[in-house]
């Protein structure tokens, strides 16, 4: 066989023999394939080029010899793999069948290398983004797939810089003894600027609010990357429903972006009732607990939020959380929020924690928050303190701290996610001051250090893994910790219940540091309905002056959530286990309620 001339290669580098090969295969196997269904067919390769035989053996395909169409596809795939390794003139010149043997005549030729690929008019900044270096294309094998990837990277960067009609070309292409050289050029086309961003649908969100959430505004260069990031940001908003992919209209060097958004019922009002065994009753009476949530989002289309959460966790104990969030404060990118937390533990103590936050968006899916808070604890029954043998039970104290928090998320749905991740990390440092209580003997404070430094850390990461069309696995890790020379019982974290460690009473555990991992399987029966199986594993550590212990607690259970005319009905049943008590159905916890959105 004669070797291909370089002049013929210059006319077209990659030969087009697929049509001829398909015709040849069709003629040869039209009547012969049906006769060889039960015969073992031997494939023989002949070529004067020893390199061709070696490559065939190394990349030998699994041929579908009983099906002529499958054989064509397998041979084409093999030929494409050979050409991707730089053998641009590779071909299958003849194919014939004799009895139970298949004969192929293969030509490979020599691999082609880059002599040079020089920069023509591409800016250095753009080349640096795509990782192009001229030395990477000097004396290196020519890989069509790698060069195609370079082209796509250049086009993508150009498109994200306002040039959606850019094209990549190789100018002055030459061939010298199986080596290629050329000049890389980018034809940018017209610069497209964003003219406006429009909402198509029933969403009541104001346009200026849309601009701030998506970080898109008139006058910016068109960027596909920015529009994709804007879609990720809109998926994190609870008060809009995305009804379609965004569309862009180009005209006269201007781009108009359309988002298809409908109003979503995001304001929330719900109540939950829990029936738990009363630990203080000898007649197995039930203790009724309750919870009320009110959340108003997107107030008058501005994105402002008001929230209220009240909960009765046990007899004579209750919790209250109130918050207000004001995004884009005074037309700035900052969000200002005020939060207030109250927790009353029967007649023992009262904890208050006001907090002020200032958040700044780093991107459409992440933000950093600076906050300041004062956590104070007041004794309601100092007589009980004097009667205790342990002086670590409770104390009057104030903890003033300043800290930073970072949040990131890309969930596909805020209420019923099936894919995505969200994470939150927080750290704060400050001073804790022990407050004197006039009803406690003054000598009690003589041995105490009245002012100490304290650190608080918190983190939460959860991931939703779709394992089938309707099945999702949720994995979550939540942890918090307090670092101080001396901690008291009323300062510790409270765990247990539906919101933290299921299978136990609400706020059943005290911990100075903890970690709770969750594995949850959800099988969706509708868009917002599913059944679930859950497993929670908790590591609880308590570091007090006279009490240091580590406890492991786990909970298992299942539940159901489905939509009704009044809202989303939820029912969860779970049982817990510790080292002291095993699983027992008599200590199971049942929680149910309806979440209504308006």
Protein backbone atom coordinates (compact mmCIF):
# COMPACT_ATOMS: atom_id res chain seq x y z
CA UNK A 1 0.00 0.00 0.00
CA UNK A 2 1.27 3.45 -0.85
CA UNK A 3 1.69 6.00 1.87
CA UNK A 4 -0.60 9.06 1.74
CA UNK A 5 1.00 12.14 0.26
CA UNK A 6 1.36 15.26 2.32
CA UNK A 7 -0.33 17.36 -0.37
CA UNK A 8 -3.48 15.29 -0.09
CA UNK A 9 -3.36 15.66 3.71
CA UNK A 10 -3.05 19.43 3.46
CA UNK A 11 -6.30 19.51 1.53
CA UNK A 12 -8.11 17.81 4.40
CA UNK A 13 -6.38 16.52 7.52
CA UNK A 14 -8.94 13.96 8.72
CA UNK A 15 -10.00 11.61 5.86
CA UNK A 16 -13.67 11.05 5.20
CA UNK A 17 -13.99 7.35 4.41
CA UNK A 18 -16.99 6.56 6.56
CA UNK A 19 -19.47 6.70 3.65
CA UNK A 20 -17.35 4.29 1.60
CA UNK A 21 -16.93 1.98 4.58
CA UNK A 22 -20.66 1.92 5.29
CA UNK A 23 -21.46 1.12 1.64
CA UNK A 24 -18.86 -1.65 1.55
CA UNK A 25 -20.14 -3.21 4.75
CA UNK A 26 -23.72 -3.10 3.58
CA UNK A 27 -22.88 -4.89 0.29
CA UNK A 28 -20.71 -7.54 1.88
CA UNK A 29 -23.02 -8.46 4.76
CA UNK A 30 -26.46 -8.03 3.18
CA UNK A 31 -26.91 -11.76 2.66
CA UNK A 32 -24.15 -13.34 4.70
CA UNK A 33 -24.89 -12.32 8.29
CA UNK A 34 -27.98 -14.44 8.63
CA UNK A 35 -26.02 -17.57 7.64
CA UNK A 36 -23.42 -17.21 10.41
CA UNK A 37 -25.58 -16.80 13.51
CA UNK A 38 -24.23 -19.94 15.17
CA UNK A 39 -20.66 -19.89 13.84
CA UNK A 40 -17.57 -18.57 15.54
CA UNK A 41 -16.09 -15.83 13.40
CA UNK A 42 -12.34 -15.17 13.38
CA UNK A 43 -11.15 -11.60 12.75
CA UNK A 44 -7.92 -11.27 10.73
CA UNK A 45 -6.04 -8.00 10.21
CA UNK A 46 -3.55 -7.53 7.41
CA UNK A 47 -1.37 -4.52 6.74
CA UNK A 48 2.14 -3.88 5.43
CA UNK A 49 2.45 -1.42 8.30
CA UNK A 50 3.56 -3.25 11.47
CA UNK A 51 2.42 -0.27 13.55
CA UNK A 52 -1.14 -0.83 12.33
CA UNK A 53 -1.17 -4.39 13.65
CA UNK A 54 0.22 -3.26 17.04
CA UNK A 55 -2.39 -0.56 17.37
CA UNK A 56 -5.16 -2.96 16.41
CA UNK A 57 -4.03 -5.35 19.12
CA UNK A 58 -3.77 -2.56 21.70
CA UNK A 59 -7.11 -0.94 20.89
CA UNK A 60 -8.86 -4.05 19.60
CA UNK A 61 -12.62 -3.49 19.69
CA UNK A 62 -15.28 -6.02 20.58
CA UNK A 63 -16.89 -6.42 17.18
CA UNK A 64 -20.60 -7.11 16.81
CA UNK A 65 -20.00 -9.55 13.94
CA UNK A 66 -23.57 -10.89 13.90
CA UNK A 67 -25.01 -7.48 13.10
CA UNK A 68 -23.77 -5.45 10.12
CA UNK A 69 -24.92 -2.14 11.64
CA UNK A 70 -23.23 -2.94 14.96
CA UNK A 71 -20.04 -3.91 13.10
CA UNK A 72 -20.02 -0.55 11.30
CA UNK A 73 -20.38 1.32 14.60
CA UNK A 74 -17.62 -0.69 16.28
CA UNK A 75 -15.18 -0.11 13.43
CA UNK A 76 -15.97 3.59 13.30
CA UNK A 77 -15.42 3.87 17.06
CA UNK A 78 -12.05 2.11 16.73
CA UNK A 79 -11.01 4.38 13.87
CA UNK A 80 -11.98 7.46 15.90
CA UNK A 81 -9.89 6.26 18.87
CA UNK A 82 -6.87 5.77 16.62
CA UNK A 83 -7.25 9.24 15.10
CA UNK A 84 -7.61 10.75 18.58
CA UNK A 85 -4.09 9.46 19.33
CA UNK A 86 -2.70 11.51 16.46
CA UNK A 87 -2.88 9.01 13.57
CA UNK A 88 -4.91 11.35 11.38
CA UNK A 89 -4.57 9.33 8.15
CA UNK A 90 -5.72 6.05 9.71
CA UNK A 91 -8.32 4.14 7.69
CA UNK A 92 -9.89 0.76 7.01
CA UNK A 93 -9.31 0.26 3.28
CA UNK A 94 -10.97 -3.09 2.65
CA UNK A 95 -13.16 -5.58 4.37
CA UNK A 96 -14.26 -9.01 3.21
CA UNK A 97 -15.76 -12.14 4.63
CA UNK A 98 -14.68 -15.68 3.81
CA UNK A 99 -16.58 -18.56 5.47
CA UNK A 100 -16.12 -18.00 9.19
CA UNK A 101 -13.36 -15.40 8.90
CA UNK A 102 -13.50 -11.65 8.65
CA UNK A 103 -10.56 -9.97 6.85
CA UNK A 104 -9.71 -6.30 7.44
CA UNK A 105 -7.03 -4.31 5.65
CA UNK A 106 -5.99 -1.49 8.00
CA UNK A 107 -3.79 1.54 7.36
CA UNK A 108 -2.54 3.68 10.23
CA UNK A 109 0.40 5.74 9.07
CA UNK A 110 2.54 7.80 11.38
CA UNK A 111 1.35 9.97 14.27
CA UNK A 112 1.29 13.72 13.76
CA UNK A 113 2.93 16.14 16.16
CA UNK A 114 2.70 19.82 16.83
CA UNK A 115 5.63 21.74 15.42
CA UNK A 116 4.22 24.93 16.93
CA UNK A 117 0.96 26.67 17.75
CA UNK A 118 1.53 30.37 18.15
CA UNK A 119 -0.73 33.00 19.61
CA UNK A 120 -2.22 35.28 17.00
CA UNK A 121 -4.62 37.84 18.47
CA UNK A 122 -5.74 36.17 21.70
CA UNK A 123 -5.24 38.29 24.79
CA UNK A 124 -2.85 37.07 27.46
CA UNK A 125 -5.57 37.20 30.11
CA UNK A 126 -7.82 34.92 28.08
CA UNK A 127 -4.97 32.50 27.36
CA UNK A 128 -4.11 32.35 31.05
CA UNK A 129 -7.70 31.46 31.94
CA UNK A 130 -7.75 28.49 29.56
CA UNK A 131 -4.22 27.38 30.47
CA UNK A 132 -2.67 27.83 27.01
CA UNK A 133 1.14 27.86 26.71
CA UNK A 134 2.98 27.78 23.40
CA UNK A 135 5.55 25.34 24.81
CA UNK A 136 2.75 22.83 25.37
CA UNK A 137 2.28 22.67 21.59
CA UNK A 138 5.94 22.35 20.58
CA UNK A 139 7.02 18.82 19.70
CA UNK A 140 3.97 17.30 21.40
CA UNK A 141 1.62 14.72 19.87
CA UNK A 142 -1.39 16.14 18.09
CA UNK A 143 -4.57 15.14 19.95
CA UNK A 144 -7.78 16.26 18.23
CA UNK A 145 -9.77 15.89 21.45
CA UNK A 146 -7.34 18.10 23.39
CA UNK A 147 -7.41 20.77 20.71
CA UNK A 148 -11.22 20.64 20.64
CA UNK A 149 -11.22 21.17 24.40
CA UNK A 150 -8.97 24.23 23.95
CA UNK A 151 -11.40 25.60 21.38
CA UNK A 152 -14.38 25.10 23.70
CA UNK A 153 -12.56 26.76 26.59
CA UNK A 154 -11.74 29.80 24.48
CA UNK A 155 -15.30 30.04 23.21
CA UNK A 156 -16.70 29.73 26.72
CA UNK A 157 -14.44 32.45 28.11
CA UNK A 158 -15.27 34.73 25.18
CA UNK A 159 -18.98 34.09 25.68
CA UNK A 160 -18.68 34.98 29.36
CA UNK A 161 -16.95 38.26 28.39
CA UNK A 162 -19.76 39.53 26.19
CA UNK A 163 -18.92 37.84 22.87
CA UNK A 164 -21.47 35.02 22.33
CA UNK A 165 -20.74 34.91 18.57
CA UNK A 166 -16.99 34.35 18.90
CA UNK A 167 -15.19 31.77 16.71
CA UNK A 168 -11.80 30.06 17.07
CA UNK A 169 -9.63 29.54 14.00
CA UNK A 170 -6.19 28.18 13.10
CA UNK A 171 -4.52 30.47 10.62
CA UNK A 172 -1.51 29.62 8.41
CA UNK A 173 -1.88 25.88 8.95
CA UNK A 174 1.13 23.99 7.53
CA UNK A 175 2.44 20.42 7.44
CA UNK A 176 6.15 19.58 7.61
CA UNK A 177 7.05 15.88 7.66
CA UNK A 178 4.09 14.81 9.81
CA UNK A 179 4.32 17.93 11.98
CA UNK A 180 1.68 20.65 12.15
CA UNK A 181 2.12 24.34 12.78
CA UNK A 182 -0.36 27.17 12.90
CA UNK A 183 -1.45 30.44 14.45
CA UNK A 184 -4.33 30.54 16.94
CA UNK A 185 -6.85 33.32 16.39
CA UNK A 186 -10.17 34.30 17.94
CA UNK A 187 -12.77 36.17 15.90
CA UNK A 188 -14.75 37.86 18.68
CA UNK A 189 -17.75 39.18 16.80
CA UNK A 190 -19.93 41.98 18.21
CA UNK A 191 -19.86 42.89 21.91
CA UNK A 192 -23.27 42.22 23.51
CA UNK A 193 -24.37 44.27 26.52
CA UNK A 194 -27.33 43.41 28.78
CA UNK A 195 -30.16 45.77 27.92
CA UNK A 196 -32.65 44.60 30.59
CA UNK A 197 -33.71 41.64 32.72
CA UNK A 198 -37.40 40.76 32.59
CA UNK A 199 -39.74 38.48 34.58
CA UNK A 200 -42.27 36.41 32.66
CA UNK A 201 -44.89 34.90 34.99
CA UNK A 202 -46.92 35.65 38.08
CA UNK A 203 -44.00 36.44 40.42
CA UNK A 204 -44.47 39.68 42.38
CA UNK A 205 -40.74 40.17 42.93
CA UNK A 206 -39.62 43.70 42.12
CA UNK A 207 -37.12 44.11 39.29
CA UNK A 208 -34.58 45.85 41.50
CA UNK A 209 -34.84 42.91 43.91
CA UNK A 210 -34.28 40.54 40.99
CA UNK A 211 -31.19 42.49 39.93
CA UNK A 212 -29.69 42.22 43.41
CA UNK A 213 -30.42 38.54 43.94
CA UNK A 214 -29.13 37.52 40.52
CA UNK A 215 -26.31 40.13 40.38
CA UNK A 216 -27.43 40.99 36.85
CA UNK A 217 -28.05 44.57 35.79
CA UNK A 218 -28.40 46.58 32.56
CA UNK A 219 -25.07 47.75 31.20
CA UNK A 220 -23.14 44.59 32.06
CA UNK A 221 -21.50 42.52 29.30
CA UNK A 222 -23.52 39.44 28.42
CA UNK A 223 -22.27 36.32 30.24
CA UNK A 224 -23.73 32.84 30.08
CA UNK A 225 -21.89 32.02 33.30
CA UNK A 226 -23.64 34.88 35.10
CA UNK A 227 -27.04 33.72 33.87
CA UNK A 228 -26.36 30.16 35.05
CA UNK A 229 -25.30 31.55 38.45
CA UNK A 230 -28.48 33.65 38.54
CA UNK A 231 -30.56 30.50 38.03
CA UNK A 232 -28.80 28.83 40.95
CA UNK A 233 -29.56 31.87 43.12
CA UNK A 234 -33.24 31.88 42.13
CA UNK A 235 -33.56 28.21 43.09
CA UNK A 236 -32.54 29.17 46.65
CA UNK A 237 -35.39 31.67 46.98
CA UNK A 238 -38.43 30.23 48.73
CA UNK A 239 -40.94 32.61 47.16
CA UNK A 240 -40.43 31.96 43.42
CA UNK A 241 -41.03 28.93 41.24
CA UNK A 242 -38.95 28.53 38.09
CA UNK A 243 -41.21 27.44 35.24
CA UNK A 244 -38.67 27.31 32.42
CA UNK A 245 -35.11 27.91 31.34
CA UNK A 246 -34.08 31.55 30.79
CA UNK A 247 -34.13 32.93 27.28
CA UNK A 248 -31.96 35.65 25.74
CA UNK A 249 -32.90 37.88 22.82
CA UNK A 250 -30.00 39.49 20.93
CA UNK A 251 -30.57 42.57 18.81
CA UNK A 252 -28.39 45.54 17.89
CA UNK A 253 -25.51 44.61 20.17
CA UNK A 254 -27.89 44.28 23.10
CA UNK A 255 -29.11 41.25 25.06
CA UNK A 256 -32.45 41.05 26.84
CA UNK A 257 -32.72 38.28 29.44
CA UNK A 258 -36.07 36.70 30.32
CA UNK A 259 -36.62 34.67 33.50
CA UNK A 260 -39.77 32.56 33.73
CA UNK A 261 -40.89 32.87 37.36
CA UNK A 262 -44.20 32.27 39.09
CA UNK A 263 -45.22 33.27 42.59
CA UNK A 264 -44.73 30.49 45.12
CA UNK A 265 -46.55 30.11 48.41
CA UNK A 266 -43.66 30.65 50.78
CA UNK A 267 -45.26 32.32 53.78
CA UNK A 268 -45.58 29.66 56.42
CA UNK A 269 -47.87 29.01 59.33
CA UNK A 270 -47.87 25.64 60.99
CA UNK A 271 -48.42 23.94 64.31
CA UNK A 272 -47.17 20.63 65.61
CA UNK A 273 -48.51 18.64 68.55
CA UNK A 274 -46.40 15.99 70.29
CA UNK A 275 -47.52 13.28 72.69
CA UNK A 276 -44.75 12.10 75.01
CA UNK A 277 -44.73 9.94 78.16
CA UNK A 278 -44.70 12.22 81.22
CA UNK A 279 -41.56 11.32 83.22
CA UNK A 280 -43.04 12.96 86.33
CA UNK A 281 -46.22 10.94 86.28
CA UNK A 282 -46.63 7.54 87.91
CA UNK A 283 -49.86 6.76 86.01
CA UNK A 284 -48.32 6.77 82.50
CA UNK A 285 -50.03 10.02 81.54
CA UNK A 286 -49.06 11.73 78.31
CA UNK A 287 -47.28 15.07 78.20
CA UNK A 288 -48.54 17.30 75.39
CA UNK A 289 -46.01 19.59 73.76
CA UNK A 290 -46.61 22.13 71.02
CA UNK A 291 -44.96 24.31 68.43
CA UNK A 292 -46.08 27.27 66.32
CA UNK A 293 -44.20 28.73 63.34
CA UNK A 294 -44.98 31.90 61.44
CA UNK A 295 -42.75 32.95 58.54
CA UNK A 296 -43.54 35.81 56.15
CA UNK A 297 -41.14 36.00 53.19
CA UNK A 298 -40.88 38.45 50.31
CA UNK A 299 -42.84 41.20 52.04
CA UNK A 300 -44.42 43.32 49.27
CA UNK A 301 -42.05 41.78 46.71
CA UNK A 302 -38.94 43.22 48.37
CA UNK A 303 -37.51 40.00 49.85
CA UNK A 304 -37.92 41.17 53.47
CA UNK A 305 -38.62 38.42 55.98
CA UNK A 306 -40.37 38.25 59.36
CA UNK A 307 -40.28 35.08 61.43
CA UNK A 308 -41.68 33.88 64.75
CA UNK A 309 -41.19 30.48 66.37
CA UNK A 310 -42.71 29.43 69.69
CA UNK A 311 -42.34 26.02 71.25
CA UNK A 312 -43.35 24.32 74.48
CA UNK A 313 -40.70 21.69 74.98
CA UNK A 314 -41.76 20.26 78.35
CA UNK A 315 -43.78 21.14 81.42
CA UNK A 316 -43.22 24.81 82.44
CA UNK A 317 -40.53 25.24 79.76
CA UNK A 318 -40.79 27.12 76.51
CA UNK A 319 -38.77 28.61 73.66
CA UNK A 320 -39.27 31.73 71.53
CA UNK A 321 -37.39 32.89 68.41
CA UNK A 322 -38.11 36.12 66.54
CA UNK A 323 -36.26 37.44 63.50
CA UNK A 324 -36.42 40.21 60.90
CA UNK A 325 -34.30 40.31 57.73
CA UNK A 326 -33.89 43.32 55.48
CA UNK A 327 -31.99 42.55 52.25
CA UNK A 328 -30.22 45.30 50.25
CA UNK A 329 -30.24 47.70 53.16
CA UNK A 330 -30.43 51.30 51.85
CA UNK A 331 -29.91 50.00 48.28
CA UNK A 332 -26.60 48.40 49.25
CA UNK A 333 -25.60 44.76 48.72
CA UNK A 334 -25.71 44.18 52.50
CA UNK A 335 -28.46 42.34 54.35
CA UNK A 336 -29.21 43.43 57.93
CA UNK A 337 -30.97 41.09 60.32
CA UNK A 338 -32.07 41.19 63.94
CA UNK A 339 -32.75 38.01 65.91
CA UNK A 340 -33.97 37.32 69.44
CA UNK A 341 -33.91 33.99 71.28
CA UNK A 342 -35.56 33.15 74.61
CA UNK A 343 -35.45 29.85 76.45
CA UNK A 344 -37.04 29.24 79.87
CA UNK A 345 -36.16 26.05 81.73
CA UNK A 346 -39.08 25.44 84.17
CA UNK A 347 -38.30 27.45 87.34
CA UNK A 348 -34.51 27.05 87.10
CA UNK A 349 -33.18 29.65 84.67
CA UNK A 350 -33.96 31.98 81.77
CA UNK A 351 -31.65 32.37 78.75
CA UNK A 352 -31.83 35.40 76.42
CA UNK A 353 -29.78 35.92 73.24
CA UNK A 354 -30.29 39.00 71.04
CA UNK A 355 -28.20 39.06 67.86
CA UNK A 356 -27.42 41.55 65.08
CA UNK A 357 -26.17 40.35 61.67
CA UNK A 358 -24.74 42.07 58.60
CA UNK A 359 -24.38 39.75 55.60
CA UNK A 360 -22.60 40.29 52.29
CA UNK A 361 -23.10 38.02 49.25
CA UNK A 362 -19.85 36.62 47.88
CA UNK A 363 -21.70 35.08 44.93
CA UNK A 364 -25.22 34.13 44.01
CA UNK A 365 -24.99 30.99 46.19
CA UNK A 366 -22.72 32.01 49.07
CA UNK A 367 -22.48 34.74 51.67
CA UNK A 368 -20.37 35.82 54.61
CA UNK A 369 -21.95 37.27 57.76
CA UNK A 370 -20.54 39.38 60.56
CA UNK A 371 -22.55 39.20 63.78
CA UNK A 372 -22.57 40.39 67.36
CA UNK A 373 -24.64 38.79 70.10
CA UNK A 374 -25.10 38.79 73.85
CA UNK A 375 -26.03 35.50 75.50
CA UNK A 376 -27.25 36.02 79.05
CA UNK A 377 -28.48 33.51 81.60
CA UNK A 378 -30.47 34.42 84.71
CA UNK A 379 -31.24 32.14 87.66
CA UNK A 380 -34.90 31.94 88.53
CA UNK A 381 -34.43 29.80 91.66
CA UNK A 382 -31.17 30.58 93.48
CA UNK A 383 -32.38 28.51 96.41
CA UNK A 384 -32.03 25.43 94.25
CA UNK A 385 -28.45 26.47 93.48
CA UNK A 386 -27.55 26.63 97.17
CA UNK A 387 -29.01 23.19 97.75
CA UNK A 388 -26.94 21.52 95.03
CA UNK A 389 -23.69 19.84 95.93
CA UNK A 390 -22.21 20.68 92.52
CA UNK A 391 -21.35 24.32 91.97
CA UNK A 392 -21.42 23.78 88.16
CA UNK A 393 -25.20 23.48 87.96
CA UNK A 394 -26.09 27.07 87.00
CA UNK A 395 -24.82 30.63 87.18
CA UNK A 396 -25.81 34.17 86.23
CA UNK A 397 -23.57 35.14 83.32
CA UNK A 398 -23.32 37.24 80.14
CA UNK A 399 -21.35 36.18 77.06
CA UNK A 400 -20.71 39.03 74.61
CA UNK A 401 -19.21 37.73 71.37
CA UNK A 402 -18.34 38.78 67.82
CA UNK A 403 -17.97 36.36 64.97
CA UNK A 404 -18.09 35.41 61.31
CA UNK A 405 -20.31 32.94 59.50
CA UNK A 406 -20.17 31.50 55.99
CA UNK A 407 -23.07 29.89 54.14
CA UNK A 408 -23.21 28.15 50.76
CA UNK A 409 -25.92 26.16 49.02
CA UNK A 410 -27.06 24.89 45.63
CA UNK A 411 -30.22 22.92 46.43
CA UNK A 412 -32.58 22.38 43.51
CA UNK A 413 -35.58 23.11 45.76
CA UNK A 414 -35.58 24.85 49.12
CA UNK A 415 -38.54 22.97 50.63
CA UNK A 416 -38.35 19.55 48.94
CA UNK A 417 -34.76 19.17 47.70
CA UNK A 418 -33.77 16.12 45.69
CA UNK A 419 -30.28 17.16 44.71
CA UNK A 420 -27.63 19.53 45.99
CA UNK A 421 -25.58 20.57 49.01
CA UNK A 422 -25.75 23.27 51.62
CA UNK A 423 -23.22 24.17 54.28
CA UNK A 424 -22.94 26.62 57.18
CA UNK A 425 -19.92 27.40 59.37
CA UNK A 426 -19.70 29.85 62.26
CA UNK A 427 -17.08 30.97 64.75
CA UNK A 428 -17.25 33.57 67.51
CA UNK A 429 -15.02 34.79 70.33
CA UNK A 430 -15.76 37.03 73.27
CA UNK A 431 -15.75 37.54 77.03
CA UNK A 432 -17.95 35.80 79.57
CA UNK A 433 -18.69 37.71 82.76
CA UNK A 434 -20.20 36.05 85.81
CA UNK A 435 -22.92 38.28 87.31
CA UNK A 436 -23.44 38.47 91.07
CA UNK A 437 -26.88 37.50 92.26
CA UNK A 438 -28.04 39.41 95.33
CA UNK A 439 -29.99 36.37 96.55
CA UNK A 440 -26.88 34.19 96.58
CA UNK A 441 -24.29 34.37 99.35
CA UNK A 442 -21.39 36.67 98.41
CA UNK A 443 -18.88 34.06 99.52
CA UNK A 444 -20.00 31.82 96.69
CA UNK A 445 -18.24 34.10 94.18
CA UNK A 446 -14.96 34.35 96.06
CA UNK A 447 -13.44 31.32 94.31
CA UNK A 448 -14.83 32.11 90.84
CA UNK A 449 -13.02 33.80 87.99
CA UNK A 450 -15.50 36.53 87.11
CA UNK A 451 -14.24 37.25 83.57
CA UNK A 452 -12.95 34.68 81.07
CA UNK A 453 -12.49 34.35 77.31
CA UNK A 454 -14.83 31.99 75.49
CA UNK A 455 -15.01 30.58 71.95
CA UNK A 456 -18.04 29.11 70.22
CA UNK A 457 -17.92 27.06 67.01
CA UNK A 458 -20.69 25.62 64.86
CA UNK A 459 -21.01 23.84 61.53
CA UNK A 460 -23.62 22.08 59.45
CA UNK A 461 -23.23 20.24 56.13
CA UNK A 462 -25.96 18.30 54.34
CA UNK A 463 -26.11 16.63 50.96
CA UNK A 464 -29.04 15.21 48.98
CA UNK A 465 -28.14 12.23 46.77
CA UNK A 466 -30.65 11.15 44.10
CA UNK A 467 -30.38 7.38 43.73
CA UNK A 468 -33.33 6.89 41.40
CA UNK A 469 -36.10 8.90 39.80
CA UNK A 470 -38.09 9.20 43.04
CA UNK A 471 -35.64 8.12 45.77
CA UNK A 472 -33.29 10.48 47.61
CA UNK A 473 -30.75 9.85 50.38
CA UNK A 474 -30.02 12.70 52.78
CA UNK A 475 -26.73 12.80 54.69
CA UNK A 476 -26.18 15.48 57.30
CA UNK A 477 -23.56 16.38 59.90
CA UNK A 478 -24.22 19.02 62.51
CA UNK A 479 -21.79 20.02 65.27
CA UNK A 480 -21.29 22.77 67.87
CA UNK A 481 -18.86 23.41 70.68
CA UNK A 482 -18.06 25.80 73.53
CA UNK A 483 -14.49 26.36 74.71
CA UNK A 484 -14.06 27.93 78.14
CA UNK A 485 -12.14 27.31 81.36
CA UNK A 486 -15.36 26.76 83.27
CA UNK A 487 -18.80 26.05 81.90
CA UNK A 488 -22.13 25.80 83.69
CA UNK A 489 -25.18 23.68 83.05
CA UNK A 490 -27.46 26.52 81.97
CA UNK A 491 -24.94 27.61 79.30
CA UNK A 492 -24.80 24.27 77.51
CA UNK A 493 -26.47 23.25 74.26
CA UNK A 494 -29.79 21.43 74.52
CA UNK A 495 -30.41 18.44 72.26
CA UNK A 496 -33.16 15.95 71.61
CA UNK A 497 -36.41 16.00 69.70
CA UNK A 498 -37.58 16.35 66.13
CA UNK A 499 -35.23 19.22 65.26
CA UNK A 500 -31.95 17.67 66.47
CA UNK A 501 -31.82 14.08 67.77
CA UNK A 502 -35.00 12.15 67.02
CA UNK A 503 -36.20 9.36 69.27
CA UNK A 504 -35.75 11.36 72.49
CA UNK A 505 -37.63 13.97 74.48
CA UNK A 506 -37.19 17.57 73.45
CA UNK A 507 -34.07 19.04 75.04
CA UNK A 508 -33.30 15.80 76.88
CA UNK A 509 -29.50 16.23 76.73
CA UNK A 510 -27.06 18.89 77.92
CA UNK A 511 -23.77 19.09 75.99
CA UNK A 512 -20.83 21.47 75.86
CA UNK A 513 -19.94 20.02 72.44
CA UNK A 514 -21.69 17.56 70.20
CA UNK A 515 -21.90 16.10 66.71
CA UNK A 516 -25.05 14.58 65.22
CA UNK A 517 -24.98 12.69 61.92
CA UNK A 518 -28.13 11.82 59.99
CA UNK A 519 -28.89 9.26 57.32
CA UNK A 520 -32.35 9.56 55.82
CA UNK A 521 -34.02 7.77 52.92
CA UNK A 522 -36.90 9.53 51.18
CA UNK A 523 -39.15 7.95 48.59
CA UNK A 524 -41.19 10.60 46.82
CA UNK A 525 -44.74 9.68 45.89
CA UNK A 526 -45.44 13.13 44.47
CA UNK A 527 -43.86 16.52 43.92
CA UNK A 528 -44.16 17.38 47.63
CA UNK A 529 -45.03 14.03 49.23
CA UNK A 530 -42.72 11.28 50.46
CA UNK A 531 -42.20 8.50 52.99
CA UNK A 532 -38.97 8.34 54.93
CA UNK A 533 -36.72 6.12 57.02
CA UNK A 534 -34.24 7.80 59.37
CA UNK A 535 -31.22 7.11 61.51
CA UNK A 536 -29.59 9.69 63.79
CA UNK A 537 -26.29 9.14 65.60
CA UNK A 538 -25.18 11.59 68.24
CA UNK A 539 -21.90 12.15 70.06
CA UNK A 540 -22.50 14.23 73.20
CA UNK A 541 -19.76 15.58 75.43
CA UNK A 542 -20.26 17.42 78.72
CA UNK A 543 -17.30 19.25 80.28
CA UNK A 544 -18.24 20.73 83.65
CA UNK A 545 -16.01 21.24 86.66
CA UNK A 546 -17.33 18.23 88.56
CA UNK A 547 -18.90 16.32 85.70
CA UNK A 548 -17.11 15.18 82.56
CA UNK A 549 -18.63 12.46 80.42
CA UNK A 550 -19.16 11.31 76.86
CA UNK A 551 -22.41 9.82 75.72
CA UNK A 552 -23.51 8.16 72.50
CA UNK A 553 -27.17 8.31 71.48
CA UNK A 554 -28.90 6.99 68.38
CA UNK A 555 -32.42 7.15 67.03
CA UNK A 556 -34.26 5.25 64.30
CA UNK A 557 -37.71 5.65 62.86
CA UNK A 558 -39.84 6.52 59.88
CA UNK A 559 -42.51 8.89 58.76
CA UNK A 560 -44.62 10.31 56.01
CA UNK A 561 -45.22 13.76 54.53
CA UNK A 562 -47.94 14.57 52.00
CA UNK A 563 -49.96 17.51 50.74
CA UNK A 564 -53.57 18.16 51.68
CA UNK A 565 -55.97 20.98 50.97
CA UNK A 566 -54.98 22.61 54.26
CA UNK A 567 -51.24 22.18 53.84
CA UNK A 568 -48.47 19.60 54.18
CA UNK A 569 -49.24 16.90 56.76
CA UNK A 570 -46.28 15.36 58.57
CA UNK A 571 -46.05 12.31 60.81
CA UNK A 572 -42.81 10.96 62.29
CA UNK A 573 -42.34 8.04 64.71
CA UNK A 574 -38.93 7.33 66.23
CA UNK A 575 -37.29 5.50 69.12
CA UNK A 576 -33.95 6.22 70.77
CA UNK A 577 -31.14 4.29 72.42
CA UNK A 578 -28.31 5.21 74.79
CA UNK A 579 -25.75 3.17 76.71
CA UNK A 580 -28.13 3.10 79.67
CA UNK A 581 -31.36 2.36 77.79
CA UNK A 582 -31.90 0.28 74.69
CA UNK A 583 -34.58 0.60 72.03
CA UNK A 584 -38.08 0.32 73.44
CA UNK A 585 -41.36 0.92 71.66
CA UNK A 586 -42.88 2.11 74.93
CA UNK A 587 -40.60 5.15 74.77
CA UNK A 588 -41.32 5.94 71.14
CA UNK A 589 -41.99 9.53 70.12
CA UNK A 590 -44.81 10.57 67.79
CA UNK A 591 -44.86 14.00 66.18
CA UNK A 592 -47.41 15.18 63.66
CA UNK A 593 -48.72 18.45 62.33
CA UNK A 594 -49.72 20.50 59.29
CA UNK A 595 -47.53 23.07 57.55
CA UNK A 596 -49.66 25.61 55.72
CA UNK A 597 -48.22 28.11 53.21
CA UNK A 598 -49.95 31.22 51.94
